[in-house]
Amino acid sequence: MEFSGFILHLRGFFFPRSYFTPGLCQSVAMLPPAGHLLSLLLVIGTGGTVPSPQLAPQGCYVAEEAGERTFRCSQADLRAVPTGIPNDTRKLYLDANQLASVPAGAFQHLPVLEELDLSHNVLAHVSGAAFQGLAGTLRHLDLSANQLASVPVEAFVGLQIQVNLSANPWRCDCALREVLQRVRLAPGTETGIVCGPGARSDLVGQEFLPLVEEEELCGTGRGGARHSTDVALLVTMGGWLVLVVAYLAQYVWENRDGTRRPLKRAPALPVHSEDSSTLSTMV
């Protein structure tokens, strides 16, 4: 009885009563609506179940902030960039999690993303293609308070963004200077870019921006030219010293046998009789 009721229910769902109304267009009316056909095909194709939308991870939620679609996953204990982010998201907050890296193309399915917050994670690696697909939309990026010693400059190619790079253990090298030439720093974050343990020992703990022109980072700059000259002079002096030592060693080696033999007495010169007579007369 229950099965018969189920069949009747399906009949009423796919074939409304109007389909059985006699008339000239009865053959056309017998066709089910397109929406019902699509539902039927989905049921058949998925083995009897209709697929549901992918759910957001626990601790994440969608909100409307200032009229813009926002996806928040703050303090959700995430260890990877989550899936299920709506593709119309304009602001994405993944701060205060356990993210250690950002892989290539992590956000390429978000074509209208404008603001991305990755602060207060444990990021140590950012792929050169991490922000691929966001060149025309991304405006604000927060990478502060992570474990970044360097970021590939390729990650920012084509982006017109304002970025926060403060509170990271930066290596303070040429690569970081190239990154800073491509991006705009968020206001008030300049002093937070400090050289970390991976930097040159005399730079650790110092702010990076004042050192850009004063220290050798890429072999140029006021400090870099002077340091390069000093190195060249030391190399030249070292080369001359090596040549002198080599010459002295060769000289000693070649004359070691001669110094060991005793000196020979010079032969006595013969004295002629005339010279002897002359000497006697003078006496």
C-alpha atoms as a PDB file:
ATOM      1  CA  MET A   1       0.000   0.000   0.000  1.00  0.00           C
ATOM      2  CA  GLU A   2       2.833   2.376   0.864  1.00  0.00           C
ATOM      3  CA  PHE A   3       4.545   1.595  -2.440  1.00  0.00           C
ATOM      4  CA  SER A   4       1.357   2.340  -4.386  1.00  0.00           C
ATOM      5  CA  GLY A   5       1.037   5.662  -2.607  1.00  0.00           C
ATOM      6  CA  PHE A   6       4.656   6.470  -3.521  1.00  0.00           C
ATOM      7  CA  ILE A   7       3.935   5.732  -7.185  1.00  0.00           C
ATOM      8  CA  LEU A   8       0.871   7.937  -7.122  1.00  0.00           C
ATOM      9  CA  HIS A   9       2.919  10.687  -5.516  1.00  0.00           C
ATOM     10  CA  LEU A  10       5.502  10.495  -8.279  1.00  0.00           C
ATOM     11  CA  ARG A  11       2.719  10.534 -10.873  1.00  0.00           C
ATOM     12  CA  GLY A  12       1.310  13.688  -9.347  1.00  0.00           C
ATOM     13  CA  PHE A  13       4.796  15.265  -9.203  1.00  0.00           C
ATOM     14  CA  PHE A  14       5.859  14.642 -12.793  1.00  0.00           C
ATOM     15  CA  PHE A  15       2.435  14.585 -14.446  1.00  0.00           C
ATOM     16  CA  PRO A  16       0.036  17.177 -12.958  1.00  0.00           C
ATOM     17  CA  ARG A  17      -3.677  16.788 -13.440  1.00  0.00           C
ATOM     18  CA  SER A  18      -3.680  19.249 -16.302  1.00  0.00           C
ATOM     19  CA  TYR A  19      -1.702  16.780 -18.401  1.00  0.00           C
ATOM     20  CA  PHE A  20      -4.661  14.401 -18.468  1.00  0.00           C
ATOM     21  CA  THR A  21      -7.150  17.033 -19.616  1.00  0.00           C
ATOM     22  CA  PRO A  22      -8.475  15.947 -23.015  1.00  0.00           C
ATOM     23  CA  GLY A  23      -8.045  18.368 -25.833  1.00  0.00           C
ATOM     24  CA  LEU A  24      -6.219  19.182 -28.978  1.00  0.00           C
ATOM     25  CA  CYS A  25      -2.894  19.796 -27.218  1.00  0.00           C
ATOM     26  CA  GLN A  26      -3.114  16.718 -25.019  1.00  0.00           C
ATOM     27  CA  SER A  27      -0.028  15.176 -26.626  1.00  0.00           C
ATOM     28  CA  VAL A  28       1.990  18.296 -25.843  1.00  0.00           C
ATOM     29  CA  ALA A  29       0.623  18.562 -22.326  1.00  0.00           C
ATOM     30  CA  MET A  30       1.737  15.025 -21.573  1.00  0.00           C
ATOM     31  CA  LEU A  31       5.370  16.208 -21.545  1.00  0.00           C
ATOM     32  CA  PRO A  32       6.617  17.054 -18.029  1.00  0.00           C
ATOM     33  CA  PRO A  33       8.028  20.561 -17.348  1.00  0.00           C
ATOM     34  CA  ALA A  34      11.735  21.209 -17.919  1.00  0.00           C
ATOM     35  CA  GLY A  35      12.395  21.704 -14.194  1.00  0.00           C
ATOM     36  CA  HIS A  36      10.922  18.308 -13.378  1.00  0.00           C
ATOM     37  CA  LEU A  37      12.932  16.681 -16.144  1.00  0.00           C
ATOM     38  CA  LEU A  38      16.139  18.202 -14.761  1.00  0.00           C
ATOM     39  CA  SER A  39      15.343  16.930 -11.287  1.00  0.00           C
ATOM     40  CA  LEU A  40      14.653  13.468 -12.667  1.00  0.00           C
ATOM     41  CA  LEU A  41      17.943  13.423 -14.570  1.00  0.00           C
ATOM     42  CA  LEU A  42      19.849  14.502 -11.441  1.00  0.00           C
ATOM     43  CA  VAL A  43      18.246  11.734  -9.428  1.00  0.00           C
ATOM     44  CA  ILE A  44      19.086   9.122 -12.042  1.00  0.00           C
ATOM     45  CA  GLY A  45      22.636  10.377 -12.591  1.00  0.00           C
ATOM     46  CA  THR A  46      23.520  10.426  -8.908  1.00  0.00           C
ATOM     47  CA  GLY A  47      22.059   7.060  -8.046  1.00  0.00           C
ATOM     48  CA  GLY A  48      18.913   8.345  -6.416  1.00  0.00           C
ATOM     49  CA  THR A  49      20.237  11.404  -4.501  1.00  0.00           C
ATOM     50  CA  VAL A  50      20.382  15.034  -5.436  1.00  0.00           C
ATOM     51  CA  PRO A  51      23.841  16.554  -4.730  1.00  0.00           C
ATOM     52  CA  SER A  52      23.875  19.263  -2.063  1.00  0.00           C
ATOM     53  CA  PRO A  53      26.090  22.376  -2.051  1.00  0.00           C
ATOM     54  CA  GLN A  54      29.510  21.998  -0.411  1.00  0.00           C
ATOM     55  CA  LEU A  55      29.287  23.099   3.202  1.00  0.00           C
ATOM     56  CA  ALA A  56      31.681  25.579   4.804  1.00  0.00           C
ATOM     57  CA  PRO A  57      34.157  24.225   7.374  1.00  0.00           C
ATOM     58  CA  GLN A  58      33.205  24.354  11.030  1.00  0.00           C
ATOM     59  CA  GLY A  59      33.769  27.807  12.449  1.00  0.00           C
ATOM     60  CA  CYS A  60      33.296  29.548   9.083  1.00  0.00           C
ATOM     61  CA  TYR A  61      30.278  31.544   8.012  1.00  0.00           C
ATOM     62  CA  VAL A  62      29.025  33.854   5.284  1.00  0.00           C
ATOM     63  CA  ALA A  63      27.968  37.398   6.100  1.00  0.00           C
ATOM     64  CA  GLU A  64      27.015  40.636   4.383  1.00  0.00           C
ATOM     65  CA  GLU A  65      29.270  43.479   5.514  1.00  0.00           C
ATOM     66  CA  ALA A  66      28.683  46.917   4.038  1.00  0.00           C
ATOM     67  CA  GLY A  67      26.723  45.266   1.263  1.00  0.00           C
ATOM     68  CA  GLU A  68      29.602  42.949   0.282  1.00  0.00           C
ATOM     69  CA  ARG A  69      29.691  39.179   0.544  1.00  0.00           C
ATOM     70  CA  THR A  70      32.150  38.245   3.295  1.00  0.00           C
ATOM     71  CA  PHE A  71      33.438  34.798   4.235  1.00  0.00           C
ATOM     72  CA  ARG A  72      34.914  34.578   7.734  1.00  0.00           C
ATOM     73  CA  CYS A  73      37.055  31.700   8.974  1.00  0.00           C
ATOM     74  CA  SER A  74      38.873  33.452  11.809  1.00  0.00           C
ATOM     75  CA  GLN A  75      40.141  31.232  14.643  1.00  0.00           C
ATOM     76  CA  ALA A  76      38.731  28.103  12.984  1.00  0.00           C
ATOM     77  CA  ASP A  77      41.891  26.006  13.560  1.00  0.00           C
ATOM     78  CA  LEU A  78      42.395  25.628   9.803  1.00  0.00           C
ATOM     79  CA  ARG A  79      45.583  23.971   8.558  1.00  0.00           C
ATOM     80  CA  ALA A  80      44.891  24.495   4.862  1.00  0.00           C
ATOM     81  CA  VAL A  81      42.967  26.956   2.722  1.00  0.00           C
ATOM     82  CA  PRO A  82      39.361  25.730   3.005  1.00  0.00           C
ATOM     83  CA  THR A  83      37.085  24.628   0.210  1.00  0.00           C
ATOM     84  CA  GLY A  84      33.471  25.655  -0.140  1.00  0.00           C
ATOM     85  CA  ILE A  85      34.166  29.387  -0.271  1.00  0.00           C
ATOM     86  CA  PRO A  86      31.389  31.063  -2.340  1.00  0.00           C
ATOM     87  CA  ASN A  87      32.780  32.332  -5.620  1.00  0.00           C
ATOM     88  CA  ASP A  88      31.079  35.713  -5.146  1.00  0.00           C
ATOM     89  CA  THR A  89      33.084  36.400  -1.974  1.00  0.00           C
ATOM     90  CA  ARG A  90      34.638  39.865  -1.885  1.00  0.00           C
ATOM     91  CA  LYS A  91      36.243  39.741   1.573  1.00  0.00           C
ATOM     92  CA  LEU A  92      37.926  36.599   2.904  1.00  0.00           C
ATOM     93  CA  TYR A  93      39.222  36.336   6.469  1.00  0.00           C
ATOM     94  CA  LEU A  94      41.479  33.353   7.231  1.00  0.00           C
ATOM     95  CA  ASP A  95      43.332  35.008  10.103  1.00  0.00           C
ATOM     96  CA  ALA A  96      44.338  33.405  13.423  1.00  0.00           C
ATOM     97  CA  ASN A  97      44.573  29.839  12.128  1.00  0.00           C
ATOM     98  CA  GLN A  98      47.352  27.286  11.610  1.00  0.00           C
ATOM     99  CA  LEU A  99      48.036  27.832   7.900  1.00  0.00           C
ATOM    100  CA  ALA A 100      51.681  26.993   7.103  1.00  0.00           C
ATOM    101  CA  SER A 101      51.677  27.611   3.345  1.00  0.00           C
ATOM    102  CA  VAL A 102      49.646  29.076   0.514  1.00  0.00           C
ATOM    103  CA  PRO A 103      49.728  26.797  -2.568  1.00  0.00           C
ATOM    104  CA  ALA A 104      49.508  27.861  -6.191  1.00  0.00           C
ATOM    105  CA  GLY A 105      46.056  28.906  -7.351  1.00  0.00           C
ATOM    106  CA  ALA A 106      44.583  28.768  -3.847  1.00  0.00           C
ATOM    107  CA  PHE A 107      42.117  31.586  -4.602  1.00  0.00           C
ATOM    108  CA  GLN A 108      41.735  31.466  -8.381  1.00  0.00           C
ATOM    109  CA  HIS A 109      38.084  30.382  -8.033  1.00  0.00           C
ATOM    110  CA  LEU A 110      37.237  33.728  -6.382  1.00  0.00           C
ATOM    111  CA  PRO A 111      37.031  36.122  -9.365  1.00  0.00           C
ATOM    112  CA  VAL A 112      35.741  39.148  -7.388  1.00  0.00           C
ATOM    113  CA  LEU A 113      37.899  38.847  -4.256  1.00  0.00           C
ATOM    114  CA  GLU A 114      39.053  42.291  -3.092  1.00  0.00           C
ATOM    115  CA  GLU A 115      40.368  41.767   0.434  1.00  0.00           C
ATOM    116  CA  LEU A 116      42.327  38.788   1.819  1.00  0.00           C
ATOM    117  CA  ASP A 117      43.430  38.460   5.444  1.00  0.00           C
ATOM    118  CA  LEU A 118      46.051  35.763   6.172  1.00  0.00           C
ATOM    119  CA  SER A 119      47.502  37.360   9.285  1.00  0.00           C
ATOM    120  CA  HIS A 120      48.361  35.603  12.564  1.00  0.00           C
ATOM    121  CA  ASN A 121      49.024  32.207  11.033  1.00  0.00           C
ATOM    122  CA  VAL A 122      52.281  30.229  10.830  1.00  0.00           C
ATOM    123  CA  LEU A 123      52.932  30.886   7.148  1.00  0.00           C
ATOM    124  CA  ALA A 124      56.496  30.038   6.143  1.00  0.00           C
ATOM    125  CA  HIS A 125      55.956  29.545   2.409  1.00  0.00           C
ATOM    126  CA  VAL A 126      53.921  31.389  -0.206  1.00  0.00           C
ATOM    127  CA  SER A 127      53.887  30.010  -3.737  1.00  0.00           C
ATOM    128  CA  GLY A 128      54.852  32.287  -6.596  1.00  0.00           C
ATOM    129  CA  ALA A 129      51.388  31.579  -8.060  1.00  0.00           C
ATOM    130  CA  ALA A 130      49.473  31.808  -4.766  1.00  0.00           C
ATOM    131  CA  PHE A 131      47.399  34.804  -5.902  1.00  0.00           C
ATOM    132  CA  GLN A 132      46.942  33.709  -9.484  1.00  0.00           C
ATOM    133  CA  GLY A 133      43.651  34.899 -10.949  1.00  0.00           C
ATOM    134  CA  LEU A 134      43.315  37.905  -8.619  1.00  0.00           C
ATOM    135  CA  ALA A 135      45.234  40.458 -10.685  1.00  0.00           C
ATOM    136  CA  GLY A 136      42.184  42.512 -11.595  1.00  0.00           C
ATOM    137  CA  THR A 137      40.378  42.490  -8.251  1.00  0.00           C
ATOM    138  CA  LEU A 138      42.593  42.037  -5.155  1.00  0.00           C
ATOM    139  CA  ARG A 139      43.275  45.357  -3.419  1.00  0.00           C
ATOM    140  CA  HIS A 140      44.229  44.529   0.179  1.00  0.00           C
ATOM    141  CA  LEU A 141      46.419  41.674   1.443  1.00  0.00           C
ATOM    142  CA  ASP A 142      47.439  41.064   5.049  1.00  0.00           C
ATOM    143  CA  LEU A 143      50.427  38.739   5.622  1.00  0.00           C
ATOM    144  CA  SER A 144      51.434  40.147   9.002  1.00  0.00           C
ATOM    145  CA  ALA A 145      52.347  38.130  12.101  1.00  0.00           C
ATOM    146  CA  ASN A 146      53.515  34.994  10.328  1.00  0.00           C
ATOM    147  CA  GLN A 147      56.845  33.155   9.938  1.00  0.00           C
ATOM    148  CA  LEU A 148      57.814  34.513   6.522  1.00  0.00           C
ATOM    149  CA  ALA A 149      61.532  35.014   5.883  1.00  0.00           C
ATOM    150  CA  SER A 150      60.987  35.692   2.181  1.00  0.00           C
ATOM    151  CA  VAL A 151      58.226  35.862  -0.414  1.00  0.00           C
ATOM    152  CA  PRO A 152      58.822  35.313  -4.157  1.00  0.00           C
ATOM    153  CA  VAL A 153      58.395  38.502  -6.115  1.00  0.00           C
ATOM    154  CA  GLU A 154      56.475  36.475  -8.725  1.00  0.00           C
ATOM    155  CA  ALA A 155      53.578  36.214  -6.267  1.00  0.00           C
ATOM    156  CA  PHE A 156      52.850  39.940  -6.737  1.00  0.00           C
ATOM    157  CA  VAL A 157      53.280  40.221 -10.509  1.00  0.00           C
ATOM    158  CA  GLY A 158      50.267  41.976 -12.014  1.00  0.00           C
ATOM    159  CA  LEU A 159      48.743  42.862  -8.631  1.00  0.00           C
ATOM    160  CA  GLN A 160      47.919  46.424  -7.647  1.00  0.00           C
ATOM    161  CA  ILE A 161      47.617  45.854  -3.927  1.00  0.00           C
ATOM    162  CA  GLN A 162      48.223  47.390  -0.543  1.00  0.00           C
ATOM    163  CA  VAL A 163      49.950  44.827   1.663  1.00  0.00           C
ATOM    164  CA  ASN A 164      50.849  44.434   5.332  1.00  0.00           C
ATOM    165  CA  LEU A 165      54.186  42.592   5.749  1.00  0.00           C
ATOM    166  CA  SER A 166      54.935  43.508   9.356  1.00  0.00           C
ATOM    167  CA  ALA A 167      55.828  41.150  12.235  1.00  0.00           C
ATOM    168  CA  ASN A 168      57.656  38.542  10.153  1.00  0.00           C
ATOM    169  CA  PRO A 169      61.277  37.300  10.569  1.00  0.00           C
ATOM    170  CA  TRP A 170      62.468  38.705   7.239  1.00  0.00           C
ATOM    171  CA  ARG A 171      65.825  37.749   5.733  1.00  0.00           C
ATOM    172  CA  CYS A 172      66.312  41.366   4.609  1.00  0.00           C
ATOM    173  CA  ASP A 173      67.921  40.650   1.257  1.00  0.00           C
ATOM    174  CA  CYS A 174      67.655  41.738  -2.334  1.00  0.00           C
ATOM    175  CA  ALA A 175      64.477  39.671  -2.860  1.00  0.00           C
ATOM    176  CA  LEU A 176      62.611  41.580  -0.164  1.00  0.00           C
ATOM    177  CA  ARG A 177      63.651  44.890  -1.673  1.00  0.00           C
ATOM    178  CA  GLU A 178      62.269  43.794  -5.049  1.00  0.00           C
ATOM    179  CA  VAL A 179      58.963  42.864  -3.392  1.00  0.00           C
ATOM    180  CA  LEU A 180      58.711  46.289  -1.776  1.00  0.00           C
ATOM    181  CA  GLN A 181      59.271  47.911  -5.150  1.00  0.00           C
ATOM    182  CA  ARG A 182      56.176  46.143  -6.530  1.00  0.00           C
ATOM    183  CA  VAL A 183      53.661  46.687  -3.725  1.00  0.00           C
ATOM    184  CA  ARG A 184      52.324  49.518  -1.583  1.00  0.00           C
ATOM    185  CA  LEU A 185      52.700  49.053   2.146  1.00  0.00           C
ATOM    186  CA  ALA A 186      49.657  49.534   4.341  1.00  0.00           C
ATOM    187  CA  PRO A 187      49.893  52.852   6.228  1.00  0.00           C
ATOM    188  CA  GLY A 188      51.653  52.548   9.565  1.00  0.00           C
ATOM    189  CA  THR A 189      53.219  49.137   8.862  1.00  0.00           C
ATOM    190  CA  GLU A 190      56.598  50.283   7.508  1.00  0.00           C
ATOM    191  CA  THR A 191      58.391  50.136  10.865  1.00  0.00           C
ATOM    192  CA  GLY A 192      57.133  46.593  11.452  1.00  0.00           C
ATOM    193  CA  ILE A 193      59.322  45.121   8.692  1.00  0.00           C
ATOM    194  CA  VAL A 194      62.270  43.961  10.811  1.00  0.00           C
ATOM    195  CA  CYS A 195      65.223  41.699   9.973  1.00  0.00           C
ATOM    196  CA  GLY A 196      64.934  38.261  11.565  1.00  0.00           C
ATOM    197  CA  PRO A 197      67.453  35.559  12.581  1.00  0.00           C
ATOM    198  CA  GLY A 198      67.997  34.547   8.957  1.00  0.00           C
ATOM    199  CA  ALA A 199      69.391  37.960   8.042  1.00  0.00           C
ATOM    200  CA  ARG A 200      73.017  39.019   8.192  1.00  0.00           C
ATOM    201  CA  SER A 201      74.146  39.063  11.806  1.00  0.00           C
ATOM    202  CA  ASP A 202      74.695  42.832  11.909  1.00  0.00           C
ATOM    203  CA  LEU A 203      71.176  43.453  10.548  1.00  0.00           C
ATOM    204  CA  VAL A 204      69.167  41.274  12.951  1.00  0.00           C
ATOM    205  CA  GLY A 205      66.581  43.296  14.841  1.00  0.00           C
ATOM    206  CA  GLN A 206      66.884  46.385  12.648  1.00  0.00           C
ATOM    207  CA  GLU A 207      64.136  47.963  10.557  1.00  0.00           C
ATOM    208  CA  PHE A 208      64.560  47.101   6.911  1.00  0.00           C
ATOM    209  CA  LEU A 209      63.513  50.226   5.059  1.00  0.00           C
ATOM    210  CA  PRO A 210      66.273  52.533   6.452  1.00  0.00           C
ATOM    211  CA  LEU A 211      68.856  49.915   5.446  1.00  0.00           C
ATOM    212  CA  VAL A 212      67.842  49.598   1.810  1.00  0.00           C
ATOM    213  CA  GLU A 213      70.238  52.269   0.533  1.00  0.00           C
ATOM    214  CA  GLU A 214      72.835  52.092   3.289  1.00  0.00           C
ATOM    215  CA  GLU A 215      73.697  48.393   3.251  1.00  0.00           C
ATOM    216  CA  GLU A 216      74.711  45.983   0.531  1.00  0.00           C
ATOM    217  CA  LEU A 217      71.627  43.979  -0.420  1.00  0.00           C
ATOM    218  CA  CYS A 218      71.940  43.575  -4.184  1.00  0.00           C
ATOM    219  CA  GLY A 219      75.538  44.749  -4.718  1.00  0.00           C
ATOM    220  CA  THR A 220      74.455  48.382  -5.255  1.00  0.00           C
ATOM    221  CA  GLY A 221      73.842  51.445  -3.142  1.00  0.00           C
ATOM    222  CA  ARG A 222      76.209  53.689  -1.256  1.00  0.00           C
ATOM    223  CA  GLY A 223      77.292  51.056   1.243  1.00  0.00           C
ATOM    224  CA  GLY A 224      77.377  48.309  -1.344  1.00  0.00           C
ATOM    225  CA  ALA A 225      79.819  50.093  -3.690  1.00  0.00           C
ATOM    226  CA  ARG A 226      82.245  50.873  -0.856  1.00  0.00           C
ATOM    227  CA  HIS A 227      82.090  47.331   0.463  1.00  0.00           C
ATOM    228  CA  SER A 228      82.715  45.901  -3.009  1.00  0.00           C
ATOM    229  CA  THR A 229      85.794  48.112  -3.417  1.00  0.00           C
ATOM    230  CA  ASP A 230      87.187  46.960  -0.083  1.00  0.00           C
ATOM    231  CA  VAL A 231      86.684  43.324  -1.019  1.00  0.00           C
ATOM    232  CA  ALA A 232      88.431  43.819  -4.361  1.00  0.00           C
ATOM    233  CA  LEU A 233      91.397  45.474  -2.627  1.00  0.00           C
ATOM    234  CA  LEU A 234      91.701  42.642  -0.124  1.00  0.00           C
ATOM    235  CA  VAL A 235      91.606  40.055  -2.896  1.00  0.00           C
ATOM    236  CA  THR A 236      94.344  41.902  -4.820  1.00  0.00           C
ATOM    237  CA  MET A 237      96.598  42.181  -1.766  1.00  0.00           C
ATOM    238  CA  GLY A 238      96.038  38.542  -0.965  1.00  0.00           C
ATOM    239  CA  GLY A 239      97.048  37.580  -4.501  1.00  0.00           C
ATOM    240  CA  TRP A 240     100.299  39.522  -4.267  1.00  0.00           C
ATOM    241  CA  LEU A 241     101.092  37.966  -0.904  1.00  0.00           C
ATOM    242  CA  VAL A 242     100.619  34.474  -2.316  1.00  0.00           C
ATOM    243  CA  LEU A 243     102.974  35.259  -5.211  1.00  0.00           C
ATOM    244  CA  VAL A 244     105.689  36.565  -2.872  1.00  0.00           C
ATOM    245  CA  VAL A 245     105.486  33.524  -0.612  1.00  0.00           C
ATOM    246  CA  ALA A 246     105.622  31.206  -3.622  1.00  0.00           C
ATOM    247  CA  TYR A 247     108.712  32.983  -4.978  1.00  0.00           C
ATOM    248  CA  LEU A 248     110.536  32.783  -1.644  1.00  0.00           C
ATOM    249  CA  ALA A 249     109.696  29.112  -1.275  1.00  0.00           C
ATOM    250  CA  GLN A 250     111.034  28.359  -4.753  1.00  0.00           C
ATOM    251  CA  TYR A 251     114.230  30.315  -4.074  1.00  0.00           C
ATOM    252  CA  VAL A 252     114.920  28.454  -0.842  1.00  0.00           C
ATOM    253  CA  TRP A 253     114.206  25.112  -2.477  1.00  0.00           C
ATOM    254  CA  GLU A 254     116.597  25.722  -5.364  1.00  0.00           C
ATOM    255  CA  ASN A 255     119.455  26.872  -3.105  1.00  0.00           C
ATOM    256  CA  ARG A 256     119.156  24.370  -0.283  1.00  0.00           C
ATOM    257  CA  ASP A 257     122.039  22.136  -1.641  1.00  0.00           C
ATOM    258  CA  GLY A 258     124.408  25.060  -2.098  1.00  0.00           C
ATOM    259  CA  THR A 259     124.034  26.226   1.477  1.00  0.00           C
ATOM    260  CA  ARG A 260     124.957  22.807   2.827  1.00  0.00           C
ATOM    261  CA  ARG A 261     128.416  22.504   0.956  1.00  0.00           C
ATOM    262  CA  PRO A 262     131.531  24.084   2.675  1.00  0.00           C
ATOM    263  CA  LEU A 263     133.049  27.078   0.981  1.00  0.00           C
ATOM    264  CA  LYS A 264     136.193  26.331  -1.185  1.00  0.00           C
ATOM    265  CA  ARG A 265     139.391  28.301  -0.601  1.00  0.00           C
ATOM    266  CA  ALA A 266     140.398  30.562  -3.405  1.00  0.00           C
ATOM    267  CA  PRO A 267     143.699  29.458  -5.159  1.00  0.00           C
ATOM    268  CA  ALA A 268     146.824  31.413  -4.167  1.00  0.00           C
ATOM    269  CA  LEU A 269     148.218  33.667  -6.835  1.00  0.00           C
ATOM    270  CA  PRO A 270     151.920  32.959  -7.944  1.00  0.00           C
ATOM    271  CA  VAL A 271     154.508  35.583  -7.070  1.00  0.00           C
ATOM    272  CA  HIS A 272     157.009  36.466  -9.860  1.00  0.00           C
ATOM    273  CA  SER A 273     160.732  36.945  -9.103  1.00  0.00           C
ATOM    274  CA  GLU A 274     160.798  40.461 -10.507  1.00  0.00           C
ATOM    275  CA  ASP A 275     158.095  41.490  -8.183  1.00  0.00           C
ATOM    276  CA  SER A 276     160.101  40.004  -5.291  1.00  0.00           C
ATOM    277  CA  SER A 277     163.281  41.921  -6.249  1.00  0.00           C
ATOM    278  CA  THR A 278     161.362  45.134  -6.541  1.00  0.00           C
ATOM    279  CA  LEU A 279     159.807  44.541  -3.144  1.00  0.00           C
ATOM    280  CA  SER A 280     163.291  43.918  -1.598  1.00  0.00           C
ATOM    281  CA  THR A 281     164.751  47.099  -3.095  1.00  0.00           C
ATOM    282  CA  MET A 282     161.861  49.143  -1.790  1.00  0.00           C
ATOM    283  CA  VAL A 283     162.411  47.735   1.677  1.00  0.00           C
END
